[in-house]
């Protein structure tokens, strides 16, 4: 019974750390997109949509900053 408790707490702890790692990465990516948008609300919405598009395209995380910068540079206010 002791081994079962140790196993369950270990698996639960590892799952929580993995979940937290993924959440922090997503927060950092969102913060990057919003920082490139500045204070313009239209551009902020556009950049969040582009971030979602980048995720759907499966752009690698190391390439994401350059991709978002290029996308932000191509934004035209409506």
Protein backbone atom coordinates (compact mmCIF):
# COMPACT_ATOMS: atom_id res chain seq x y z
CA UNK A 1 0.00 0.00 0.00
CA UNK A 2 2.89 2.38 0.73
CA UNK A 3 4.25 1.92 -2.78
CA UNK A 4 0.88 2.77 -4.29
CA UNK A 5 0.71 6.03 -2.34
CA UNK A 6 4.26 6.96 -3.37
CA UNK A 7 3.52 6.08 -6.99
CA UNK A 8 0.30 8.11 -7.08
CA UNK A 9 1.84 11.19 -5.47
CA UNK A 10 4.84 11.01 -7.81
CA UNK A 11 2.67 10.70 -10.92
CA UNK A 12 0.40 13.50 -9.71
CA UNK A 13 3.39 15.75 -9.02
CA UNK A 14 4.92 15.07 -12.43
CA UNK A 15 1.61 15.75 -14.15
CA UNK A 16 1.22 19.04 -12.29
CA UNK A 17 4.73 20.17 -13.18
CA UNK A 18 4.16 19.32 -16.84
CA UNK A 19 0.86 21.20 -16.84
CA UNK A 20 2.47 24.21 -15.18
CA UNK A 21 5.37 24.17 -17.68
CA UNK A 22 2.95 24.22 -20.63
CA UNK A 23 0.87 27.02 -19.08
CA UNK A 24 3.94 29.20 -18.46
CA UNK A 25 5.11 28.71 -22.05
CA UNK A 26 1.68 29.75 -23.33
CA UNK A 27 1.67 32.81 -21.07
CA UNK A 28 5.12 33.80 -22.34
CA UNK A 29 4.03 33.43 -25.99
CA UNK A 30 0.87 35.47 -25.32
CA UNK A 31 2.91 38.16 -23.56
CA UNK A 32 5.29 38.32 -26.54
CA UNK A 33 2.41 38.75 -28.98
CA UNK A 34 0.80 41.46 -26.86
CA UNK A 35 4.08 43.30 -26.35
CA UNK A 36 4.57 43.47 -30.11
CA UNK A 37 1.06 44.90 -30.47
CA UNK A 38 1.58 47.83 -28.12
CA UNK A 39 -1.51 49.70 -26.90
CA UNK A 40 -3.54 49.45 -30.12
CA UNK A 41 -6.57 47.26 -29.29
CA UNK A 42 -7.09 46.26 -32.90
CA UNK A 43 -3.52 45.16 -33.24
CA UNK A 44 -3.70 43.27 -29.93
CA UNK A 45 -6.66 41.23 -31.20
CA UNK A 46 -4.86 40.70 -34.50
CA UNK A 47 -1.70 39.48 -32.78
CA UNK A 48 -3.61 37.06 -30.57
CA UNK A 49 -5.31 35.69 -33.67
CA UNK A 50 -1.93 35.36 -35.37
CA UNK A 51 -0.56 33.54 -32.32
CA UNK A 52 -3.42 31.04 -32.60
CA UNK A 53 -2.68 30.75 -36.32
CA UNK A 54 1.00 30.11 -35.58
CA UNK A 55 0.01 27.32 -33.19
CA UNK A 56 -2.20 25.77 -35.88
CA UNK A 57 0.72 25.95 -38.33
CA UNK A 58 2.91 24.30 -35.67
CA UNK A 59 5.61 26.95 -35.92
CA UNK A 60 8.52 25.97 -33.71
CA UNK A 61 8.93 27.93 -30.54
CA UNK A 62 12.41 29.13 -31.46
CA UNK A 63 11.04 30.58 -34.71
CA UNK A 64 7.95 32.12 -33.13
CA UNK A 65 9.46 35.52 -32.12
CA UNK A 66 10.71 36.23 -35.66
CA UNK A 67 7.44 35.04 -37.16
CA UNK A 68 5.39 37.24 -34.84
CA UNK A 69 7.65 40.25 -35.49
CA UNK A 70 7.21 39.82 -39.24
CA UNK A 71 3.46 39.48 -38.80
CA UNK A 72 3.34 42.59 -36.58
CA UNK A 73 5.30 44.54 -39.18
CA UNK A 74 2.77 43.56 -41.83
CA UNK A 75 -0.21 44.77 -39.80
CA UNK A 76 -2.21 47.59 -41.30
CA UNK A 77 -4.79 49.41 -39.19
CA UNK A 78 -8.26 49.36 -40.64
